[in-house]
Structures are given as structure tokens and as C-alpha cells.
Protein backbone atom coordinates (compact mmCIF):
# COMPACT_ATOMS: atom_id res chain seq x y z
CA MET A 1 10.92 -24.07 3.84
CA GLU A 2 9.41 -25.71 0.78
CA MET A 3 5.82 -26.94 1.19
CA ASN A 4 3.61 -29.29 -0.74
CA ILE A 5 -0.08 -28.49 -1.28
CA ALA A 6 -1.22 -30.18 1.93
CA GLN A 7 1.47 -28.51 4.03
CA GLU A 8 0.71 -25.10 2.57
CA ARG A 9 -3.00 -25.54 3.25
CA GLU A 10 -2.18 -26.35 6.89
CA TRP A 11 0.23 -23.41 7.05
CA VAL A 12 -2.34 -20.92 5.75
CA GLY A 13 -4.87 -22.34 8.21
CA HIS A 14 -2.39 -21.64 11.00
CA LEU A 15 -2.00 -18.06 9.81
CA ARG A 16 -5.74 -17.56 9.50
CA ARG A 17 -6.33 -18.61 13.11
CA GLN A 18 -4.29 -15.58 14.19
CA PHE A 19 -6.91 -13.22 12.68
CA PRO A 20 -10.07 -12.98 14.82
CA ALA A 21 -12.07 -11.40 11.99
CA LEU A 22 -11.57 -14.48 9.84
CA GLN A 23 -13.70 -16.48 12.28
CA ARG A 24 -16.75 -14.41 11.37
CA GLU A 25 -19.64 -16.26 9.76
CA GLN A 26 -22.64 -15.17 7.74
CA SER A 27 -25.60 -17.51 7.25
CA GLY A 28 -23.54 -20.37 8.64
CA SER A 29 -20.54 -19.91 6.31
CA PRO A 30 -17.23 -18.11 6.88
CA VAL A 31 -17.02 -14.60 5.47
CA VAL A 32 -14.65 -14.14 2.53
CA TYR A 33 -12.69 -10.89 2.83
CA LEU A 34 -11.74 -9.62 -0.62
CA ASP A 35 -11.70 -6.01 0.59
CA GLY A 36 -8.01 -6.03 1.53
CA PRO A 37 -7.04 -3.20 -0.86
CA ALA A 38 -9.17 -0.87 1.28
CA GLY A 39 -7.68 -2.24 4.50
CA THR A 40 -6.70 -5.72 5.65
CA GLN A 41 -7.81 -7.59 8.74
CA VAL A 42 -5.36 -7.68 11.66
CA PRO A 43 -3.84 -10.51 13.70
CA GLN A 44 -4.40 -10.85 17.44
CA SER A 45 -0.81 -9.78 18.14
CA VAL A 46 -1.56 -6.35 16.65
CA ILE A 47 -4.77 -6.00 18.64
CA HIS A 48 -2.87 -7.00 21.78
CA SER A 49 -0.11 -4.44 21.19
CA VAL A 50 -2.59 -1.59 20.80
CA SER A 51 -4.49 -2.55 23.96
CA GLN A 52 -1.29 -3.14 25.93
CA TYR A 53 -0.07 0.33 25.09
CA MET A 54 -3.38 1.89 26.10
CA ALA A 55 -3.55 -0.11 29.31
CA HIS A 56 0.03 0.18 30.54
CA HIS A 57 2.14 2.74 28.64
CA ASN A 58 -0.21 5.56 27.67
CA ALA A 59 1.70 8.86 27.81
CA ASN A 60 3.26 11.59 25.71
CA LEU A 61 6.93 12.07 24.93
CA GLY A 62 9.45 14.11 26.88
CA GLY A 63 8.52 13.42 30.49
CA THR A 64 10.79 12.17 33.23
CA PHE A 65 8.31 9.56 34.46
CA SER A 66 8.24 5.90 33.49
CA THR A 67 5.28 5.81 31.11
CA SER A 68 6.69 8.70 29.09
CA ARG A 69 10.07 6.98 28.86
CA GLU A 70 8.30 3.78 27.78
CA CYS A 71 6.47 5.71 25.06
CA THR A 72 9.79 7.14 23.88
CA ASP A 73 11.26 3.63 23.76
CA LEU A 74 8.29 2.52 21.67
CA MET A 75 8.82 5.29 19.11
CA VAL A 76 12.53 4.47 18.84
CA GLU A 77 11.80 0.78 18.29
CA ALA A 78 9.01 1.53 15.83
CA ALA A 79 11.42 3.63 13.77
CA ARG A 80 13.90 0.75 13.81
CA GLY A 81 11.15 -1.65 12.78
CA PHE A 82 10.14 0.47 9.83
CA SER A 83 13.77 0.94 8.84
CA ASP A 84 13.87 -2.83 8.46
CA PHE A 85 10.54 -2.77 6.63
CA PHE A 86 11.67 -0.11 4.14
CA GLY A 87 15.21 -1.44 3.77
CA THR A 88 17.01 1.62 5.10
CA THR A 89 19.70 1.76 7.79
CA ASP A 90 18.72 5.16 9.21
CA PRO A 91 15.73 5.09 11.60
CA GLN A 92 15.64 8.90 11.65
CA GLU A 93 14.44 8.84 8.06
CA ILE A 94 11.14 7.31 9.27
CA ILE A 95 8.24 9.75 9.68
CA PHE A 96 4.90 8.81 11.26
CA GLY A 97 1.63 10.57 10.55
CA PRO A 98 -2.16 10.14 10.51
CA ASN A 99 -2.25 8.39 7.11
CA ALA A 100 -0.47 8.36 3.76
CA THR A 101 -2.73 11.05 2.29
CA SER A 102 -2.04 13.50 5.12
CA LEU A 103 1.69 12.85 4.93
CA THR A 104 1.66 13.41 1.17
CA LEU A 105 -0.27 16.65 1.55
CA ALA A 106 2.16 17.92 4.20
CA LEU A 107 5.23 16.94 2.21
CA SER A 108 3.88 18.43 -1.03
CA ARG A 109 3.22 21.76 0.69
CA ALA A 110 6.78 21.86 2.00
CA ILE A 111 8.56 20.67 -1.13
CA SER A 112 6.58 22.95 -3.42
CA ARG A 113 8.11 26.00 -1.75
CA THR A 114 11.36 25.04 -3.51
CA TRP A 115 9.66 25.18 -6.94
CA ASN A 116 9.41 28.20 -9.19
CA ALA A 117 7.02 29.35 -11.90
CA GLY A 118 7.94 27.55 -15.11
CA ASP A 119 8.94 24.37 -13.31
CA GLU A 120 7.06 21.14 -14.04
CA ILE A 121 5.95 18.06 -12.11
CA ILE A 122 4.63 14.74 -13.38
CA VAL A 123 1.76 12.61 -12.05
CA THR A 124 0.14 9.55 -13.63
CA ASP A 125 -3.37 8.63 -14.69
CA LEU A 126 -2.95 5.22 -13.01
CA ASP A 127 -2.62 6.50 -9.46
CA HIS A 128 -4.87 6.80 -6.44
CA ASP A 129 -5.98 10.42 -6.19
CA ALA A 130 -3.95 10.80 -2.98
CA ASN A 131 -0.87 10.76 -5.20
CA ILE A 132 -2.32 13.15 -7.77
CA THR A 133 -4.35 15.96 -6.23
CA PRO A 134 -1.92 16.92 -3.42
CA TRP A 135 0.76 17.55 -6.05
CA VAL A 136 -1.65 19.26 -8.45
CA LEU A 137 -2.76 21.65 -5.70
CA ALA A 138 0.83 22.37 -4.65
CA ALA A 139 1.77 23.05 -8.27
CA ARG A 140 -1.19 25.35 -8.72
CA ASP A 141 -0.16 27.43 -5.72
CA GLN A 142 3.38 27.83 -7.08
CA GLY A 143 2.51 28.41 -10.74
CA VAL A 144 4.06 25.08 -11.72
CA THR A 145 2.93 23.05 -14.74
CA VAL A 146 1.48 19.55 -14.15
CA ARG A 147 1.97 16.85 -16.77
CA HIS A 148 -0.01 13.59 -16.72
CA VAL A 149 1.46 10.26 -17.85
CA GLN A 150 -1.03 8.35 -19.97
CA VAL A 151 -2.17 4.75 -19.49
CA ASN A 152 -2.21 1.94 -22.04
CA LEU A 153 -5.90 1.08 -21.90
CA GLN A 154 -5.57 -2.47 -23.22
CA ASP A 155 -3.65 -3.67 -20.14
CA CYS A 156 -3.82 -0.69 -17.75
CA THR A 157 -0.08 -0.10 -17.66
CA LEU A 158 1.78 3.19 -17.76
CA ASP A 159 2.85 4.51 -21.15
CA LEU A 160 6.56 4.63 -20.42
CA ASN A 161 7.36 6.35 -23.69
CA ASP A 162 4.96 9.10 -22.72
CA LEU A 163 6.71 9.43 -19.37
CA ARG A 164 10.15 9.66 -20.95
CA GLN A 165 8.96 12.31 -23.39
CA LYS A 166 7.51 14.43 -20.58
CA LEU A 167 10.70 14.34 -18.49
CA ASN A 168 12.89 17.39 -19.15
CA ALA A 169 15.20 19.88 -17.50
CA ARG A 170 12.22 21.72 -15.97
CA THR A 171 10.88 18.61 -14.18
CA ARG A 172 11.19 18.88 -10.41
CA LEU A 173 9.27 15.83 -9.16
CA VAL A 174 7.59 12.66 -10.43
CA ALA A 175 4.80 11.19 -8.26
CA LEU A 176 4.43 7.50 -9.03
CA GLY A 177 2.46 4.65 -7.50
CA GLY A 178 4.21 1.42 -6.63
CA ALA A 179 1.13 -0.39 -7.90
CA SER A 180 -2.42 0.41 -8.93
CA ASN A 181 -4.93 -0.01 -6.13
CA SER A 182 -7.61 -0.54 -8.77
CA VAL A 183 -6.27 -3.01 -11.34
CA GLY A 184 -3.13 -4.33 -9.62
CA THR A 185 -0.52 -3.16 -12.16
CA LYS A 186 3.00 -2.99 -10.71
CA ASN A 187 4.93 -0.01 -11.98
CA PRO A 188 8.63 -0.52 -12.88
CA VAL A 189 9.83 1.98 -10.28
CA ALA A 190 13.48 0.88 -10.31
CA ARG A 191 13.57 1.26 -14.10
CA ILE A 192 11.98 4.71 -13.99
CA ALA A 193 14.09 6.14 -11.14
CA PRO A 194 17.28 6.71 -13.22
CA TRP A 195 15.27 8.56 -15.88
CA VAL A 196 13.94 10.89 -13.16
CA HIS A 197 17.35 11.51 -11.63
CA ASP A 198 18.95 12.07 -15.02
CA VAL A 199 16.98 15.33 -15.25
CA ASN A 200 17.77 16.17 -11.58
CA ALA A 201 14.19 15.60 -10.46
CA GLN A 202 12.94 13.74 -7.38
CA LEU A 203 10.85 10.56 -7.27
CA PHE A 204 7.98 10.18 -4.79
CA VAL A 205 6.50 6.67 -4.55
CA ASP A 206 3.06 5.90 -3.14
CA ALA A 207 3.55 2.33 -1.92
CA VAL A 208 0.24 2.05 -0.05
CA HIS A 209 -1.03 -0.75 -2.28
CA PHE A 210 2.43 -2.18 -2.92
CA ALA A 211 3.52 -2.75 0.69
CA PRO A 212 1.20 -5.66 1.66
CA HIS A 213 2.36 -7.79 -1.25
CA THR A 214 6.03 -7.09 -2.05
CA LEU A 215 9.14 -6.47 0.00
CA LEU A 216 9.97 -2.78 0.11
CA ASP A 217 13.56 -1.80 -0.65
CA VAL A 218 13.99 1.94 -1.05
CA ALA A 219 17.61 1.60 -2.16
CA ALA A 220 16.74 -0.88 -4.90
CA LEU A 221 13.74 1.18 -5.99
CA GLY A 222 15.92 4.28 -6.25
CA CYS A 223 13.24 6.66 -4.99
CA ASP A 224 13.68 9.79 -2.89
CA TYR A 225 10.50 9.39 -0.84
CA LEU A 226 8.12 6.52 -0.17
CA VAL A 227 4.85 6.48 1.75
CA CYS A 228 2.58 3.67 2.93
CA SER A 229 -0.21 2.96 5.43
CA ALA A 230 -0.09 0.25 8.09
CA TYR A 231 -3.78 -0.58 7.83
CA LYS A 232 -3.10 -1.99 4.37
CA PHE A 233 -0.58 -4.52 5.74
CA PHE A 234 -2.33 -5.99 8.78
CA GLY A 235 -1.95 -3.05 11.15
CA PRO A 236 -4.04 -0.12 12.43
CA HIS A 237 -4.65 3.26 10.82
CA VAL A 238 -1.35 5.14 10.75
CA GLY A 239 0.77 6.44 7.87
CA ILE A 240 4.54 6.12 7.44
CA LEU A 241 6.81 8.20 5.24
CA TRP A 242 10.42 7.53 4.35
CA GLY A 243 12.66 10.16 2.77
CA LYS A 244 16.35 10.58 2.14
CA ARG A 245 17.99 12.24 5.10
CA GLU A 246 19.70 14.96 3.06
CA ILE A 247 16.37 16.03 1.58
CA LEU A 248 14.36 15.85 4.80
CA ASP A 249 17.09 17.84 6.56
CA SER A 250 17.17 20.54 3.90
CA VAL A 251 13.44 21.14 3.39
CA GLU A 252 11.55 23.29 5.90
CA PRO A 253 8.22 21.71 6.91
CA TYR A 254 5.18 23.51 8.24
CA LYS A 255 5.35 23.07 12.01
CA VAL A 256 4.77 24.79 15.33
CA ARG A 257 7.58 26.74 17.01
CA PRO A 258 8.25 24.39 19.98
CA ALA A 259 8.77 21.42 17.63
CA THR A 260 12.36 20.33 17.15
CA ASN A 261 14.33 21.14 14.01
CA ARG A 262 15.97 17.71 14.05
CA LEU A 263 14.88 14.53 12.29
CA PRO A 264 12.47 12.92 12.54
CA GLY A 265 10.60 15.24 14.90
CA LYS A 266 10.66 18.25 12.60
CA TRP A 267 8.25 16.38 10.30
CA MET A 268 6.05 15.03 13.10
CA THR A 269 4.81 18.17 14.78
CA GLY A 270 1.99 17.41 17.18
CA THR A 271 1.25 14.33 19.25
CA GLN A 272 1.48 11.10 17.26
CA ASN A 273 -0.96 8.19 17.42
CA HIS A 274 1.19 6.12 19.77
CA PRO A 275 -1.26 3.20 20.20
CA CYS A 276 -1.51 2.73 16.44
CA ILE A 277 2.25 3.04 16.02
CA ALA A 278 2.58 0.23 18.57
CA GLY A 279 0.16 -1.78 16.46
CA ALA A 280 2.03 -0.94 13.25
CA LEU A 281 5.26 -2.24 14.78
CA ALA A 282 3.41 -5.40 15.79
CA ALA A 283 2.23 -5.82 12.19
CA ILE A 284 5.84 -5.78 10.99
CA ASP A 285 6.77 -8.27 13.68
CA TYR A 286 3.87 -10.51 12.62
CA LEU A 287 5.33 -10.60 9.11
CA ALA A 288 8.84 -11.13 10.47
CA GLN A 289 7.64 -13.99 12.64
CA LEU A 290 6.05 -15.54 9.57
CA GLY A 291 9.44 -15.35 7.84
CA ARG A 292 11.27 -16.86 10.81
CA GLN A 293 8.86 -19.77 10.86
CA LEU A 294 9.59 -20.32 7.18
CA SER A 295 13.36 -20.13 7.62
CA GLN A 296 15.30 -19.83 10.91
CA PRO A 297 14.07 -18.40 14.23
CA THR A 298 17.29 -16.42 14.78
CA VAL A 299 17.51 -14.44 11.53
CA THR A 300 17.36 -10.65 11.64
CA ARG A 301 14.05 -8.87 11.17
CA ARG A 302 15.02 -7.71 7.66
CA ALA A 303 16.07 -11.23 6.65
CA ALA A 304 12.84 -12.60 8.09
CA LEU A 305 10.78 -10.06 6.15
CA LYS A 306 12.56 -11.08 2.94
CA GLU A 307 11.62 -14.71 3.56
CA ALA A 308 8.03 -13.82 4.44
CA PHE A 309 7.51 -11.81 1.27
CA ARG A 310 9.20 -14.47 -0.86
CA TRP A 311 6.41 -16.86 0.15
CA ILE A 312 3.67 -14.20 0.10
CA GLU A 313 4.48 -13.15 -3.47
CA ASP A 314 4.52 -16.73 -4.72
CA TYR A 315 1.34 -17.76 -2.91
CA GLU A 316 -0.64 -14.67 -3.88
CA ARG A 317 0.46 -14.97 -7.50
CA ARG A 318 -0.94 -18.50 -7.64
CA LEU A 319 -4.20 -17.36 -6.02
CA MET A 320 -4.54 -14.58 -8.55
CA ARG A 321 -3.89 -16.87 -11.48
CA ARG A 322 -6.66 -19.16 -10.21
CA LEU A 323 -9.02 -16.19 -10.07
CA LEU A 324 -8.05 -14.87 -13.50
CA ASP A 325 -8.33 -18.30 -15.12
CA GLY A 326 -11.78 -18.72 -13.61
CA LEU A 327 -12.94 -15.31 -14.78
CA ALA A 328 -11.75 -16.12 -18.30
CA THR A 329 -14.51 -18.76 -18.46
CA LEU A 330 -17.24 -16.28 -17.48
CA PRO A 331 -18.17 -14.27 -20.59
CA SER A 332 -20.46 -11.89 -18.69
CA TYR A 333 -17.48 -10.13 -17.08
CA THR A 334 -14.85 -7.72 -18.34
CA VAL A 335 -11.61 -7.76 -16.37
CA PHE A 336 -9.44 -4.64 -16.48
CA GLY A 337 -5.67 -4.91 -16.44
CA ILE A 338 -3.02 -7.54 -17.13
CA ARG A 339 -4.48 -11.00 -17.79
CA ASP A 340 -1.72 -12.80 -19.68
CA PRO A 341 -0.25 -15.65 -17.53
CA ALA A 342 3.20 -14.85 -18.92
CA ARG A 343 2.97 -11.43 -17.24
CA ASP A 344 1.80 -12.49 -13.78
CA ALA A 345 4.95 -10.97 -12.25
CA GLU A 346 3.84 -7.54 -13.50
CA ARG A 347 0.70 -7.43 -11.37
CA LEU A 348 -0.46 -7.76 -7.78
CA PRO A 349 -3.44 -9.91 -6.64
CA THR A 350 -5.97 -7.12 -7.20
CA LEU A 351 -8.36 -6.68 -10.11
CA SER A 352 -11.42 -4.69 -11.14
CA LEU A 353 -14.24 -6.03 -13.27
CA ARG A 354 -17.62 -5.10 -14.72
CA HIS A 355 -20.68 -7.22 -15.45
CA ARG A 356 -22.04 -6.76 -18.96
CA SER A 357 -25.41 -5.45 -17.75
CA ALA A 358 -25.64 -5.22 -13.95
CA SER A 359 -24.34 -2.24 -12.01
CA PRO A 360 -21.21 -2.60 -9.85
CA GLN A 361 -23.30 -1.81 -6.78
CA ALA A 362 -25.78 -4.59 -7.60
CA LEU A 363 -22.96 -7.10 -8.07
CA ALA A 364 -21.17 -6.02 -4.88
CA GLN A 365 -24.45 -6.28 -2.98
CA TYR A 366 -25.05 -9.80 -4.33
CA LEU A 367 -21.58 -10.87 -3.21
CA ALA A 368 -22.08 -9.23 0.20
CA ASP A 369 -25.43 -10.98 0.65
CA HIS A 370 -23.60 -14.27 0.13
CA GLY A 371 -20.74 -13.49 2.50
CA VAL A 372 -18.10 -12.20 0.07
CA PHE A 373 -16.97 -8.68 0.94
CA ALA A 374 -15.73 -6.59 -2.00
CA TRP A 375 -15.73 -2.91 -2.91
CA HIS A 376 -17.46 -1.18 -5.77
CA GLY A 377 -16.86 2.32 -7.16
CA ASN A 378 -13.54 3.88 -8.18
CA TYR A 379 -11.67 3.40 -4.87
CA TYR A 380 -10.23 6.92 -5.30
CA ALA A 381 -8.46 5.86 -8.51
CA LEU A 382 -10.80 8.37 -10.11
CA ARG A 383 -8.71 9.33 -13.12
CA LEU A 384 -8.23 5.69 -14.18
CA SER A 385 -11.94 4.99 -13.81
CA GLU A 386 -12.68 8.02 -15.97
CA ILE A 387 -10.35 7.09 -18.81
CA LEU A 388 -11.64 3.50 -18.75
CA GLY A 389 -15.13 4.94 -19.27
CA GLN A 390 -16.46 3.52 -16.00
CA GLU A 391 -17.68 6.67 -14.26
CA PRO A 392 -19.93 7.38 -12.48
CA ASP A 393 -20.61 3.80 -11.34
CA GLY A 394 -17.05 2.50 -11.28
CA MET A 395 -16.21 -1.20 -11.09
CA VAL A 396 -16.10 -4.08 -8.59
CA ARG A 397 -12.70 -4.76 -7.04
CA LEU A 398 -11.53 -8.17 -5.84
CA GLY A 399 -8.38 -8.07 -3.73
CA LEU A 400 -6.49 -11.07 -2.36
CA VAL A 401 -3.92 -11.21 0.42
CA HIS A 402 -2.03 -14.08 1.99
CA TYR A 403 -4.81 -15.07 4.39
CA ASN A 404 -7.15 -15.82 1.50
CA THR A 405 -7.45 -19.39 0.23
CA PRO A 406 -8.04 -21.26 -3.05
CA GLU A 407 -11.40 -22.35 -1.68
CA GLU A 408 -12.41 -18.71 -1.21
CA VAL A 409 -11.42 -17.98 -4.81
CA ASP A 410 -13.54 -20.89 -6.03
CA ARG A 411 -16.50 -19.80 -3.91
CA THR A 412 -16.29 -16.28 -5.35
CA LEU A 413 -16.12 -17.59 -8.90
CA SER A 414 -19.19 -19.75 -8.27
CA LEU A 415 -21.11 -16.73 -7.02
CA LEU A 416 -20.08 -14.66 -10.02
CA GLN A 417 -21.27 -17.45 -12.29
CA GLU A 418 -24.58 -17.74 -10.44
CA PHE A 419 -25.11 -13.98 -10.69
CA GLY A 420 -25.34 -14.43 -14.43
């Protein structure tokens, strides 16, 4: 469905009314949520799904009674939902866990037992620390060498030549972010994947910041593992890991003895967060419903998700260009990352900035006092903040998602101008 400006404004207003948090006001004005990279707000349908599970289906798996069977049905459907979300046809490749960091730590401990002294792994200086330190610690325990891919400081992109030079016959794994949670850079995962596989290494993708903005397609990306967190795409706090069946079957995870040796249960030892998994499934269905409203009500969930993200990417890109163009007129601010309009497709609607004299905390506090919520610090992208010379104070991050509006962008720009 193609929309003109007025229709799109009405459409976004319809979406916003589904999010109770967006009705919040401060000093008589609606709050502007630019804190999405740290966790988005959630629609009422997600809240309802969590409460419905707790009220009517609360049980553990494996019982003969009705609530246990209902919980089992939920887990089966959630795996199907995330198969559609990731673009895989095998629901048993879907692993749930507390969060992406915990899943990465658990996977790194298991995979590292297949490494030997003299092997190498590769991490990047652009990543969230959750996709650096777990691998560094696992390598340390196995006597494996860690190599760091450098960042082009002028635009905060990966130095791909440096990556290619570091890949060799000793490389066992490359840990790569789908996108930077600090400056919004999208990494060319599909381009990098063949380089990794050419040396018989594996590719692990942290898609936590990527998933709210771009359709996931693990086959097209060419990765071996991918992890994300539902609270970054309009759901509750739960992590989800996808991995190729042949790898997940062959690697022995740390688990308790009664846990099954079959997928996916062998990777999900212990009771899962069933209420949040119900909410995570509802978040996918919210996005799918968005896509059906934009296209046809009878299309499959995967087709609906494709349509939803087609609009989301286009809308968010225009919002981000409005923000970047406005910041270009404010000489007191330095924006980190890609700024060239010709390269808008290489970034997500997230940026970090610094004021020429005020601290990030002072700027974030000023915005918060005026009803604009944004994070300051390094947002766990510690290595990037260090090499940009922004530690210990970090930066201020502004993150847009599809429930944000052009008016919110303009209001934020006005506040930044007033700050000085």
C-alpha cells in the first residue's frame, strides 16, 4: 500500500495508539522516546499476551494436565513464529534463553571446547561488548588467539581489508554485529560470510540492534548463528538464538543430566521464561499484522513480515535523514558515523553525538528534563567509545524506531539548538 504524507501520518498515529507508553506526558507534552536502542516500548497486544499466559496458562512443560499442554503448544508456536522471523524453515533451530548476552556466553563456552591452542578467532572493535568479551574469555580458556578488526574512524565502518587480512587457515570463528548499537553502521554480513567460510570458519552474528529495523534472513546473510533480543523489537526481555541444525546437533552444550539431548531442548536446559516467550511471539505477530494491513490480510506470516519491514526501513530512513540534516546545521555537535545522504542505506536510524563543551550526561539530562528520553555513556560499545576518544564520559545516543514521528525529530532538534 503506497501512502502520501497525510495517509502515512494517520497510519503512524494508528500504530502509536497501540503503545500505552506513548500516551505518557511530561509537563503537558507527550514524551519522546529516543531510547529504543536500549529497549523499545511495547504494544498492548504484547502486554495482553504476557498477562493472559500468567492468568490462564501458567505451567511448566511435560505434564499431562491441560495448562502444561497449553504451555507446550505455546513453545511450539513460538518456535514457528521465530522461524518465520529469522527466515528459516526448521523451528527446532530456534533456542530461547534469558537474553542475547547469556545465550552468547553459553554458546561460546560450548563451541570453544572444539578449539585448540594455536587456533584464532576474530572479533570487531565496532561491536557491543556482549559480542566481544564472551568470545575473548572463551579463547583465553582454550589458549586461542583473538584478533580485532579495526574501524575506519572517519565514518565508523569496519575496515574490511583488515578483516580479510586477518582471516586465515587457523581462524575458527568470526563474531560480527549486524549493526552498531552506538552509531548505527550496518555491517555487510552477506558479503563477509563467504570470506569466513572460505577458510572453514564459522560466522556468529549479533543481530540485537539489527532486528528492530531490517528483515532478518539467515539464509541470505549466510551466517552459522544469529542472536537477538525481543525487548529490542517491541517485546519483553527474552533472548533468541538461531543456529544451523548440523552444528547445534554436533556441539555438546553445558546442561543438566535430565535435559534432553535433542534439539532444541538440549540448548535450553532449565525452565524457560514462558510468559516473556508468549510476549515475544506477540511482538512478531504485531509486526506481521502491520504487514498484513499494508498488503493483504491472508498472506503468510513471513510474507507479512517482509511487507512490514519494507515500510519500516523506508520510513525510518527518512526520519533519520531529517535528523541528520538538522544536526548538520548545528555546529556545536559532532555526529559519529555515516552522514552522507548517498550512503543512507548503509546505516540504521541510530546515532551518537557530542556537544563541543557540555558533558553527555548534562545534555541527556537537559533532554530528559524537556521530555526527550535518550541514553548517554558508551551503551556497552566500550571498545568503539575508546577508539573514538570518548571515554570515560561517552556520547549521547539518539535512536529512532517506526513509532517515532517527524514532529518528534523536529522537537529534538529544537532542544539541541536551545541547549547551545
